[in-house]
Amino acid sequence: MYYLIERVNETLQEWQKVHGTKFYHVNGGKTLISYSYYPQFWISPSLRPTFEKALEHLLQRSRPLENTSQTVLVVGGVQWLNSNHLQIIHKVLKRENLLNILVIIKTLGIGFHLPVDGVHFLTQSEVQNLWKENLIILDAAKKYGYEVVDTFAITMGRYKEFLQGKCGCHFHE
């Protein structure tokens, strides 16, 4: 998110860990960037909003939105994303009359699953299953006409740049 802000704004004036919903006006106030952290794993599962509700909330809080490629939705998850989420995105965008927006899917990431002492990691067969799930996500994205940034392929080649840490979100070198 902050990389995107810096690219649009040509500078980064604020940075903080965000585990909620946040709004930024950048590019001289001409561009609104809305961000929503999902899933909120620290909330009890019975109280945690579903992906569909979180997406609806983000869209409602970001209004007004244009049903054009000038409106961009970026969705990604290091380990939680699956092809069902892409189906939900399509359903919600159809219901909200936003099927013409640009959707970019950031696929699964491998770097957070590699063996690091003190951090949960996957076995070789689990990594292979993750790769297969990533392929399913890529196929679903193609089916819906979504753009893709395949972070699985990117992070797999950079695994030695991941450092030990307690949170998979914050220990990239």
N, C-alpha and C. Protein backbone atom coordinates (compact mmCIF):
# COMPACT_ATOMS: atom_id res chain seq x y z
N MET A 1 0.83 -1.19 0.00
CA MET A 1 0.00 0.00 0.00
C MET A 1 0.88 1.26 0.00
N TYR A 2 1.89 1.28 0.85
CA TYR A 2 2.72 2.49 0.91
C TYR A 2 3.56 2.66 -0.35
N TYR A 3 3.94 1.56 -0.99
CA TYR A 3 4.65 1.68 -2.27
C TYR A 3 3.73 2.33 -3.30
N LEU A 4 2.48 1.92 -3.32
CA LEU A 4 1.51 2.51 -4.25
C LEU A 4 1.33 4.00 -3.97
N ILE A 5 1.20 4.36 -2.71
CA ILE A 5 1.06 5.78 -2.35
C ILE A 5 2.26 6.57 -2.83
N GLU A 6 3.46 6.03 -2.59
CA GLU A 6 4.67 6.75 -3.01
C GLU A 6 4.71 6.92 -4.53
N ARG A 7 4.30 5.90 -5.28
CA ARG A 7 4.31 5.98 -6.74
C ARG A 7 3.31 7.03 -7.25
N VAL A 8 2.11 7.05 -6.68
CA VAL A 8 1.08 8.00 -7.11
C VAL A 8 1.42 9.41 -6.66
N ASN A 9 1.92 9.54 -5.45
CA ASN A 9 2.16 10.83 -4.83
C ASN A 9 3.56 11.38 -5.11
N GLU A 10 4.45 10.53 -5.60
CA GLU A 10 5.86 10.85 -5.85
C GLU A 10 6.63 11.13 -4.57
N THR A 11 6.02 10.86 -3.43
CA THR A 11 6.68 10.97 -2.14
C THR A 11 5.87 10.18 -1.12
N LEU A 12 6.48 9.81 -0.05
CA LEU A 12 5.79 9.13 1.04
C LEU A 12 5.92 10.00 2.27
N GLN A 13 4.80 10.55 2.72
CA GLN A 13 4.85 11.48 3.84
C GLN A 13 4.43 10.85 5.16
N GLU A 14 3.89 9.64 5.09
CA GLU A 14 3.42 8.98 6.31
C GLU A 14 3.61 7.49 6.15
N TRP A 15 3.99 6.82 7.24
CA TRP A 15 4.09 5.36 7.24
C TRP A 15 3.79 4.87 8.63
N GLN A 16 2.93 3.88 8.70
CA GLN A 16 2.63 3.24 9.97
C GLN A 16 2.04 1.87 9.69
N LYS A 17 2.16 0.96 10.64
CA LYS A 17 1.49 -0.33 10.51
C LYS A 17 0.00 -0.08 10.59
N VAL A 18 -0.73 -0.65 9.65
CA VAL A 18 -2.18 -0.47 9.63
C VAL A 18 -2.84 -1.84 9.63
N HIS A 19 -3.65 -2.09 10.64
CA HIS A 19 -4.39 -3.34 10.70
C HIS A 19 -5.88 -3.04 10.81
N GLY A 20 -6.33 -2.07 10.06
CA GLY A 20 -7.74 -1.69 10.02
C GLY A 20 -8.04 -1.09 8.67
N THR A 21 -8.90 -0.07 8.66
CA THR A 21 -9.23 0.64 7.43
C THR A 21 -8.63 2.02 7.50
N LYS A 22 -8.03 2.46 6.43
CA LYS A 22 -7.34 3.75 6.40
C LYS A 22 -7.61 4.42 5.06
N PHE A 23 -7.67 5.76 5.05
CA PHE A 23 -7.92 6.54 3.84
C PHE A 23 -6.86 7.60 3.69
N TYR A 24 -6.38 7.75 2.47
CA TYR A 24 -5.35 8.74 2.18
C TYR A 24 -5.76 9.54 0.95
N HIS A 25 -5.64 10.86 1.02
CA HIS A 25 -5.79 11.72 -0.15
C HIS A 25 -4.38 12.07 -0.60
N VAL A 26 -4.04 11.69 -1.82
CA VAL A 26 -2.69 11.92 -2.34
C VAL A 26 -2.80 12.59 -3.70
N ASN A 27 -1.65 12.85 -4.30
CA ASN A 27 -1.62 13.44 -5.63
C ASN A 27 -2.33 14.80 -5.62
N GLY A 28 -1.98 15.60 -4.63
CA GLY A 28 -2.59 16.93 -4.52
C GLY A 28 -4.07 16.88 -4.22
N GLY A 29 -4.53 15.80 -3.57
CA GLY A 29 -5.94 15.66 -3.23
C GLY A 29 -6.79 15.09 -4.36
N LYS A 30 -6.17 14.78 -5.50
CA LYS A 30 -6.93 14.29 -6.65
C LYS A 30 -7.19 12.78 -6.58
N THR A 31 -6.46 12.08 -5.73
CA THR A 31 -6.57 10.62 -5.68
C THR A 31 -6.85 10.17 -4.25
N LEU A 32 -7.86 9.32 -4.11
CA LEU A 32 -8.18 8.72 -2.81
C LEU A 32 -7.68 7.29 -2.83
N ILE A 33 -6.90 6.93 -1.82
CA ILE A 33 -6.48 5.55 -1.64
C ILE A 33 -7.10 5.05 -0.34
N SER A 34 -7.89 3.99 -0.46
CA SER A 34 -8.52 3.36 0.70
C SER A 34 -7.87 2.01 0.91
N TYR A 35 -7.64 1.67 2.15
CA TYR A 35 -6.96 0.42 2.49
C TYR A 35 -7.74 -0.27 3.60
N SER A 36 -7.88 -1.57 3.47
CA SER A 36 -8.52 -2.34 4.52
C SER A 36 -7.73 -3.62 4.76
N TYR A 37 -7.32 -3.84 5.99
CA TYR A 37 -6.56 -5.03 6.36
C TYR A 37 -7.53 -6.19 6.56
N TYR A 38 -7.22 -7.32 5.95
CA TYR A 38 -8.05 -8.51 6.09
C TYR A 38 -7.14 -9.73 6.07
N PRO A 39 -7.42 -10.76 6.82
CA PRO A 39 -8.46 -10.90 7.84
C PRO A 39 -7.98 -10.33 9.17
N GLN A 40 -8.91 -9.94 9.96
CA GLN A 40 -8.58 -9.42 11.29
C GLN A 40 -8.52 -10.63 12.24
N PHE A 41 -7.40 -11.34 12.15
CA PHE A 41 -7.24 -12.63 12.82
C PHE A 41 -7.29 -12.55 14.34
N TRP A 42 -7.12 -11.37 14.91
CA TRP A 42 -7.12 -11.22 16.36
C TRP A 42 -8.54 -11.11 16.93
N ILE A 43 -9.53 -10.94 16.04
CA ILE A 43 -10.92 -10.88 16.46
C ILE A 43 -11.47 -12.31 16.50
N SER A 44 -12.28 -12.60 17.49
CA SER A 44 -12.90 -13.92 17.59
C SER A 44 -13.57 -14.28 16.27
N PRO A 45 -13.39 -15.51 15.80
CA PRO A 45 -13.99 -15.91 14.51
C PRO A 45 -15.49 -15.64 14.42
N SER A 46 -16.19 -15.74 15.52
CA SER A 46 -17.64 -15.49 15.48
C SER A 46 -17.97 -14.01 15.27
N LEU A 47 -17.02 -13.11 15.58
CA LEU A 47 -17.24 -11.67 15.42
C LEU A 47 -16.49 -11.09 14.23
N ARG A 48 -15.59 -11.85 13.66
CA ARG A 48 -14.74 -11.40 12.55
C ARG A 48 -15.59 -11.21 11.30
N PRO A 49 -15.45 -10.05 10.61
CA PRO A 49 -16.22 -9.87 9.38
C PRO A 49 -15.75 -10.83 8.28
N THR A 50 -16.70 -11.28 7.48
CA THR A 50 -16.35 -12.13 6.35
C THR A 50 -15.63 -11.28 5.30
N PHE A 51 -15.00 -11.94 4.36
CA PHE A 51 -14.33 -11.22 3.27
C PHE A 51 -15.34 -10.37 2.51
N GLU A 52 -16.52 -10.92 2.25
CA GLU A 52 -17.55 -10.18 1.53
C GLU A 52 -17.95 -8.91 2.27
N LYS A 53 -18.16 -9.01 3.57
CA LYS A 53 -18.53 -7.83 4.37
C LYS A 53 -17.39 -6.82 4.41
N ALA A 54 -16.15 -7.29 4.55
CA ALA A 54 -15.01 -6.38 4.57
C ALA A 54 -14.89 -5.63 3.24
N LEU A 55 -15.09 -6.32 2.12
CA LEU A 55 -15.03 -5.68 0.80
C LEU A 55 -16.16 -4.68 0.63
N GLU A 56 -17.36 -5.06 1.01
CA GLU A 56 -18.51 -4.14 0.93
C GLU A 56 -18.25 -2.88 1.75
N HIS A 57 -17.72 -3.06 2.96
CA HIS A 57 -17.43 -1.92 3.83
C HIS A 57 -16.39 -1.00 3.19
N LEU A 58 -15.34 -1.57 2.63
CA LEU A 58 -14.31 -0.77 1.97
C LEU A 58 -14.90 0.03 0.81
N LEU A 59 -15.71 -0.61 -0.02
CA LEU A 59 -16.31 0.08 -1.17
C LEU A 59 -17.24 1.19 -0.71
N GLN A 60 -18.05 0.92 0.30
CA GLN A 60 -18.98 1.95 0.79
C GLN A 60 -18.24 3.15 1.37
N ARG A 61 -17.17 2.88 2.11
CA ARG A 61 -16.39 3.97 2.71
C ARG A 61 -15.58 4.74 1.68
N SER A 62 -15.39 4.15 0.48
CA SER A 62 -14.58 4.79 -0.55
C SER A 62 -15.43 5.57 -1.56
N ARG A 63 -16.72 5.57 -1.41
CA ARG A 63 -17.61 6.25 -2.37
C ARG A 63 -17.36 7.74 -2.37
N PRO A 64 -17.56 8.42 -3.50
CA PRO A 64 -18.10 7.91 -4.76
C PRO A 64 -17.00 7.20 -5.56
N LEU A 65 -17.40 6.16 -6.28
CA LEU A 65 -16.49 5.40 -7.12
C LEU A 65 -16.99 5.44 -8.56
N GLU A 66 -16.05 5.49 -9.49
CA GLU A 66 -16.40 5.45 -10.91
C GLU A 66 -16.33 4.01 -11.38
N ASN A 67 -17.28 3.60 -12.22
CA ASN A 67 -17.28 2.26 -12.78
C ASN A 67 -16.41 2.24 -14.04
N THR A 68 -15.13 2.63 -13.86
CA THR A 68 -14.17 2.66 -14.95
C THR A 68 -12.84 2.12 -14.45
N SER A 69 -11.90 1.97 -15.36
CA SER A 69 -10.57 1.49 -14.96
C SER A 69 -9.79 2.54 -14.18
N GLN A 70 -10.37 3.74 -14.01
CA GLN A 70 -9.74 4.74 -13.14
C GLN A 70 -9.91 4.37 -11.67
N THR A 71 -10.84 3.48 -11.38
CA THR A 71 -11.01 2.92 -10.04
C THR A 71 -10.28 1.59 -10.02
N VAL A 72 -9.36 1.43 -9.08
CA VAL A 72 -8.52 0.25 -9.02
C VAL A 72 -8.72 -0.43 -7.66
N LEU A 73 -8.95 -1.73 -7.71
CA LEU A 73 -9.05 -2.53 -6.50
C LEU A 73 -7.90 -3.53 -6.52
N VAL A 74 -7.05 -3.47 -5.50
CA VAL A 74 -5.94 -4.40 -5.36
C VAL A 74 -6.27 -5.31 -4.19
N VAL A 75 -6.26 -6.62 -4.45
CA VAL A 75 -6.57 -7.59 -3.40
C VAL A 75 -5.43 -8.60 -3.36
N GLY A 76 -4.94 -8.86 -2.15
CA GLY A 76 -3.88 -9.84 -2.04
C GLY A 76 -3.79 -10.39 -0.64
N GLY A 77 -3.28 -11.59 -0.56
CA GLY A 77 -3.10 -12.21 0.74
C GLY A 77 -1.94 -13.17 0.71
N VAL A 78 -1.05 -13.04 1.66
CA VAL A 78 0.13 -13.88 1.70
C VAL A 78 -0.27 -15.35 1.80
N GLN A 79 -1.27 -15.65 2.63
CA GLN A 79 -1.64 -17.04 2.80
C GLN A 79 -3.13 -17.30 2.86
N TRP A 80 -3.95 -16.27 2.97
CA TRP A 80 -5.39 -16.51 3.15
C TRP A 80 -6.17 -16.50 1.84
N LEU A 81 -5.64 -15.91 0.79
CA LEU A 81 -6.38 -15.76 -0.46
C LEU A 81 -6.59 -17.11 -1.14
N ASN A 82 -7.80 -17.31 -1.69
CA ASN A 82 -8.05 -18.48 -2.52
C ASN A 82 -9.03 -18.10 -3.63
N SER A 83 -9.30 -19.02 -4.52
CA SER A 83 -10.13 -18.71 -5.69
C SER A 83 -11.55 -18.32 -5.30
N ASN A 84 -12.05 -18.79 -4.17
CA ASN A 84 -13.39 -18.39 -3.72
C ASN A 84 -13.46 -16.88 -3.47
N HIS A 85 -12.36 -16.29 -3.02
CA HIS A 85 -12.35 -14.85 -2.78
C HIS A 85 -12.53 -14.09 -4.10
N LEU A 86 -11.98 -14.60 -5.18
CA LEU A 86 -12.14 -13.95 -6.48
C LEU A 86 -13.59 -14.01 -6.95
N GLN A 87 -14.24 -15.11 -6.66
CA GLN A 87 -15.66 -15.24 -6.97
C GLN A 87 -16.48 -14.23 -6.16
N ILE A 88 -16.14 -14.05 -4.91
CA ILE A 88 -16.82 -13.08 -4.05
C ILE A 88 -16.59 -11.66 -4.58
N ILE A 89 -15.36 -11.36 -4.98
CA ILE A 89 -15.06 -10.03 -5.55
C ILE A 89 -15.99 -9.77 -6.73
N HIS A 90 -16.08 -10.73 -7.63
CA HIS A 90 -16.92 -10.56 -8.82
C HIS A 90 -18.39 -10.34 -8.42
N LYS A 91 -18.88 -11.13 -7.47
CA LYS A 91 -20.27 -11.02 -7.03
C LYS A 91 -20.55 -9.64 -6.43
N VAL A 92 -19.64 -9.17 -5.58
CA VAL A 92 -19.84 -7.87 -4.93
C VAL A 92 -19.75 -6.74 -5.96
N LEU A 93 -18.77 -6.80 -6.86
CA LEU A 93 -18.63 -5.75 -7.86
C LEU A 93 -19.83 -5.72 -8.80
N LYS A 94 -20.37 -6.86 -9.12
CA LYS A 94 -21.58 -6.92 -9.97
C LYS A 94 -22.75 -6.26 -9.23
N ARG A 95 -22.92 -6.62 -7.97
CA ARG A 95 -24.02 -6.07 -7.16
C ARG A 95 -23.89 -4.55 -7.00
N GLU A 96 -22.65 -4.06 -6.90
CA GLU A 96 -22.38 -2.63 -6.71
C GLU A 96 -22.23 -1.88 -8.03
N ASN A 97 -22.48 -2.56 -9.17
CA ASN A 97 -22.35 -1.97 -10.50
C ASN A 97 -20.94 -1.41 -10.72
N LEU A 98 -19.94 -2.22 -10.41
CA LEU A 98 -18.54 -1.81 -10.55
C LEU A 98 -17.73 -2.83 -11.35
N LEU A 99 -18.36 -3.52 -12.27
CA LEU A 99 -17.65 -4.56 -13.02
C LEU A 99 -16.61 -4.01 -13.99
N ASN A 100 -16.62 -2.71 -14.26
CA ASN A 100 -15.64 -2.13 -15.19
C ASN A 100 -14.40 -1.58 -14.50
N ILE A 101 -14.30 -1.73 -13.17
CA ILE A 101 -13.10 -1.24 -12.50
C ILE A 101 -11.94 -2.18 -12.77
N LEU A 102 -10.74 -1.69 -12.56
CA LEU A 102 -9.53 -2.50 -12.72
C LEU A 102 -9.29 -3.26 -11.41
N VAL A 103 -9.26 -4.58 -11.50
CA VAL A 103 -8.99 -5.42 -10.33
C VAL A 103 -7.62 -6.05 -10.52
N ILE A 104 -6.77 -5.89 -9.52
CA ILE A 104 -5.43 -6.47 -9.53
C ILE A 104 -5.35 -7.45 -8.37
N ILE A 105 -5.00 -8.68 -8.68
CA ILE A 105 -4.86 -9.72 -7.66
C ILE A 105 -3.39 -9.93 -7.38
N LYS A 106 -3.02 -9.78 -6.12
CA LYS A 106 -1.66 -10.08 -5.65
C LYS A 106 -1.74 -11.48 -5.06
N THR A 107 -1.07 -12.45 -5.71
CA THR A 107 -1.24 -13.84 -5.32
C THR A 107 -0.53 -14.17 -4.02
N LEU A 108 -0.47 -15.45 -3.73
CA LEU A 108 0.14 -15.92 -2.49
C LEU A 108 1.63 -15.62 -2.47
N GLY A 109 2.20 -15.54 -1.29
CA GLY A 109 3.62 -15.30 -1.14
C GLY A 109 4.29 -16.48 -0.46
N ILE A 110 5.44 -16.89 -0.95
CA ILE A 110 6.14 -18.04 -0.38
C ILE A 110 7.10 -17.63 0.73
N GLY A 111 7.64 -16.43 0.68
CA GLY A 111 8.67 -16.02 1.63
C GLY A 111 8.28 -16.16 3.07
N PHE A 112 7.02 -15.98 3.37
CA PHE A 112 6.57 -16.06 4.75
C PHE A 112 6.38 -17.50 5.21
N HIS A 113 6.57 -18.47 4.32
CA HIS A 113 6.37 -19.86 4.67
C HIS A 113 7.67 -20.65 4.73
N LEU A 114 8.79 -19.99 4.53
CA LEU A 114 10.08 -20.68 4.52
C LEU A 114 10.60 -20.88 5.94
N PRO A 115 11.46 -21.88 6.14
CA PRO A 115 11.92 -22.20 7.49
C PRO A 115 12.70 -21.06 8.14
N VAL A 116 12.13 -20.49 9.18
CA VAL A 116 12.78 -19.47 10.00
C VAL A 116 12.52 -19.86 11.45
N ASP A 117 13.57 -19.95 12.26
CA ASP A 117 13.40 -20.34 13.65
C ASP A 117 12.41 -19.42 14.35
N GLY A 118 11.46 -20.03 15.05
CA GLY A 118 10.50 -19.26 15.84
C GLY A 118 9.28 -18.81 15.07
N VAL A 119 9.22 -19.07 13.76
CA VAL A 119 8.08 -18.65 12.93
C VAL A 119 7.50 -19.89 12.26
N HIS A 120 6.18 -19.99 12.22
CA HIS A 120 5.53 -21.12 11.55
C HIS A 120 5.97 -21.19 10.10
N PHE A 121 6.29 -22.38 9.64
CA PHE A 121 6.64 -22.55 8.23
C PHE A 121 6.02 -23.84 7.72
N LEU A 122 6.04 -24.00 6.41
CA LEU A 122 5.41 -25.14 5.77
C LEU A 122 6.44 -26.20 5.38
N THR A 123 5.97 -27.46 5.35
CA THR A 123 6.80 -28.55 4.86
C THR A 123 6.88 -28.45 3.34
N GLN A 124 7.77 -29.24 2.74
CA GLN A 124 7.91 -29.22 1.28
C GLN A 124 6.60 -29.59 0.59
N SER A 125 5.88 -30.58 1.08
CA SER A 125 4.61 -30.96 0.46
C SER A 125 3.56 -29.86 0.64
N GLU A 126 3.58 -29.17 1.78
CA GLU A 126 2.66 -28.06 1.99
C GLU A 126 2.98 -26.89 1.05
N VAL A 127 4.27 -26.66 0.79
CA VAL A 127 4.66 -25.63 -0.18
C VAL A 127 4.17 -26.01 -1.57
N GLN A 128 4.26 -27.30 -1.91
CA GLN A 128 3.76 -27.75 -3.21
C GLN A 128 2.25 -27.55 -3.31
N ASN A 129 1.53 -27.81 -2.23
CA ASN A 129 0.09 -27.56 -2.22
C ASN A 129 -0.21 -26.07 -2.35
N LEU A 130 0.60 -25.24 -1.71
CA LEU A 130 0.43 -23.79 -1.82
C LEU A 130 0.64 -23.35 -3.27
N TRP A 131 1.65 -23.92 -3.93
CA TRP A 131 1.91 -23.63 -5.34
C TRP A 131 0.69 -23.99 -6.19
N LYS A 132 0.10 -25.16 -5.92
CA LYS A 132 -1.09 -25.59 -6.67
C LYS A 132 -2.26 -24.63 -6.43
N GLU A 133 -2.43 -24.20 -5.19
CA GLU A 133 -3.49 -23.23 -4.88
C GLU A 133 -3.24 -21.92 -5.62
N ASN A 134 -1.98 -21.51 -5.71
CA ASN A 134 -1.64 -20.29 -6.42
C ASN A 134 -2.01 -20.41 -7.90
N LEU A 135 -1.78 -21.58 -8.49
CA LEU A 135 -2.16 -21.81 -9.89
C LEU A 135 -3.68 -21.69 -10.07
N ILE A 136 -4.44 -22.18 -9.12
CA ILE A 136 -5.90 -22.07 -9.17
C ILE A 136 -6.32 -20.61 -9.10
N ILE A 137 -5.64 -19.84 -8.24
CA ILE A 137 -5.93 -18.40 -8.14
C ILE A 137 -5.62 -17.71 -9.47
N LEU A 138 -4.49 -18.06 -10.09
CA LEU A 138 -4.13 -17.47 -11.38
C LEU A 138 -5.19 -17.78 -12.44
N ASP A 139 -5.69 -19.01 -12.47
CA ASP A 139 -6.73 -19.38 -13.43
C ASP A 139 -8.03 -18.61 -13.17
N ALA A 140 -8.40 -18.48 -11.90
CA ALA A 140 -9.63 -17.75 -11.56
C ALA A 140 -9.49 -16.28 -11.94
N ALA A 141 -8.33 -15.69 -11.71
CA ALA A 141 -8.11 -14.29 -12.07
C ALA A 141 -8.26 -14.11 -13.58
N LYS A 142 -7.72 -15.02 -14.34
CA LYS A 142 -7.84 -14.96 -15.81
C LYS A 142 -9.31 -15.06 -16.22
N LYS A 143 -10.05 -15.97 -15.58
CA LYS A 143 -11.47 -16.17 -15.88
C LYS A 143 -12.27 -14.87 -15.70
N TYR A 144 -11.95 -14.13 -14.63
CA TYR A 144 -12.68 -12.89 -14.35
C TYR A 144 -12.09 -11.67 -15.04
N GLY A 145 -10.98 -11.84 -15.74
CA GLY A 145 -10.36 -10.71 -16.43
C GLY A 145 -9.57 -9.80 -15.51
N TYR A 146 -9.12 -10.32 -14.39
CA TYR A 146 -8.36 -9.52 -13.43
C TYR A 146 -6.88 -9.54 -13.79
N GLU A 147 -6.21 -8.44 -13.52
CA GLU A 147 -4.75 -8.37 -13.67
C GLU A 147 -4.13 -9.12 -12.50
N VAL A 148 -2.89 -9.57 -12.66
CA VAL A 148 -2.25 -10.36 -11.62
C VAL A 148 -0.82 -9.89 -11.39
N VAL A 149 -0.43 -9.82 -10.12
CA VAL A 149 0.96 -9.72 -9.72
C VAL A 149 1.23 -11.02 -8.98
N ASP A 150 2.01 -11.90 -9.61
CA ASP A 150 2.24 -13.22 -9.03
C ASP A 150 3.37 -13.14 -8.01
N THR A 151 3.01 -12.83 -6.78
CA THR A 151 4.02 -12.67 -5.73
C THR A 151 4.60 -14.00 -5.27
N PHE A 152 3.94 -15.11 -5.58
CA PHE A 152 4.53 -16.41 -5.25
C PHE A 152 5.85 -16.57 -5.99
N ALA A 153 5.82 -16.29 -7.29
CA ALA A 153 7.03 -16.40 -8.10
C ALA A 153 8.09 -15.39 -7.67
N ILE A 154 7.65 -14.20 -7.30
CA ILE A 154 8.60 -13.15 -6.89
C ILE A 154 9.26 -13.52 -5.56
N THR A 155 8.46 -13.90 -4.57
CA THR A 155 9.02 -14.15 -3.24
C THR A 155 9.80 -15.45 -3.18
N MET A 156 9.47 -16.43 -4.02
CA MET A 156 10.21 -17.69 -4.01
C MET A 156 11.68 -17.44 -4.36
N GLY A 157 11.93 -16.58 -5.32
CA GLY A 157 13.30 -16.29 -5.74
C GLY A 157 14.05 -15.40 -4.78
N ARG A 158 13.35 -14.79 -3.83
CA ARG A 158 13.99 -13.85 -2.90
C ARG A 158 13.95 -14.34 -1.46
N TYR A 159 13.76 -15.63 -1.28
CA TYR A 159 13.52 -16.15 0.07
C TYR A 159 14.64 -15.85 1.05
N LYS A 160 15.88 -15.70 0.57
CA LYS A 160 16.98 -15.44 1.50
C LYS A 160 16.95 -14.02 2.05
N GLU A 161 16.09 -13.17 1.50
CA GLU A 161 15.97 -11.80 2.00
C GLU A 161 14.99 -11.69 3.16
N PHE A 162 14.33 -12.80 3.53
CA PHE A 162 13.41 -12.76 4.65
C PHE A 162 14.17 -13.07 5.93
N LEU A 163 13.95 -12.24 6.91
CA LEU A 163 14.67 -12.35 8.18
C LEU A 163 13.77 -12.91 9.26
N GLN A 164 14.37 -13.40 10.32
CA GLN A 164 13.60 -13.93 11.43
C GLN A 164 12.74 -12.83 12.05
N GLY A 165 11.54 -13.19 12.41
CA GLY A 165 10.65 -12.26 13.08
C GLY A 165 9.45 -13.02 13.60
N LYS A 166 8.64 -12.37 14.40
CA LYS A 166 7.47 -13.02 14.99
C LYS A 166 6.22 -12.82 14.14
N CYS A 167 6.23 -11.89 13.21
CA CYS A 167 5.06 -11.62 12.39
C CYS A 167 5.45 -11.74 10.92
N GLY A 168 4.76 -12.59 10.19
CA GLY A 168 5.07 -12.81 8.79
C GLY A 168 4.91 -11.57 7.93
N CYS A 169 4.25 -10.56 8.43
CA CYS A 169 4.00 -9.35 7.63
C CYS A 169 5.17 -8.37 7.65
N HIS A 170 6.05 -8.48 8.62
CA HIS A 170 6.97 -7.37 8.87
C HIS A 170 8.45 -7.78 9.00
N PHE A 171 8.87 -8.83 8.34
CA PHE A 171 10.27 -9.16 8.53
C PHE A 171 11.03 -9.31 7.22
N HIS A 172 10.62 -8.57 6.20
CA HIS A 172 11.37 -8.58 4.94
C HIS A 172 12.56 -7.65 5.07
N GLU A 173 13.70 -8.07 4.54
CA GLU A 173 14.94 -7.29 4.65
C GLU A 173 14.84 -6.02 3.84
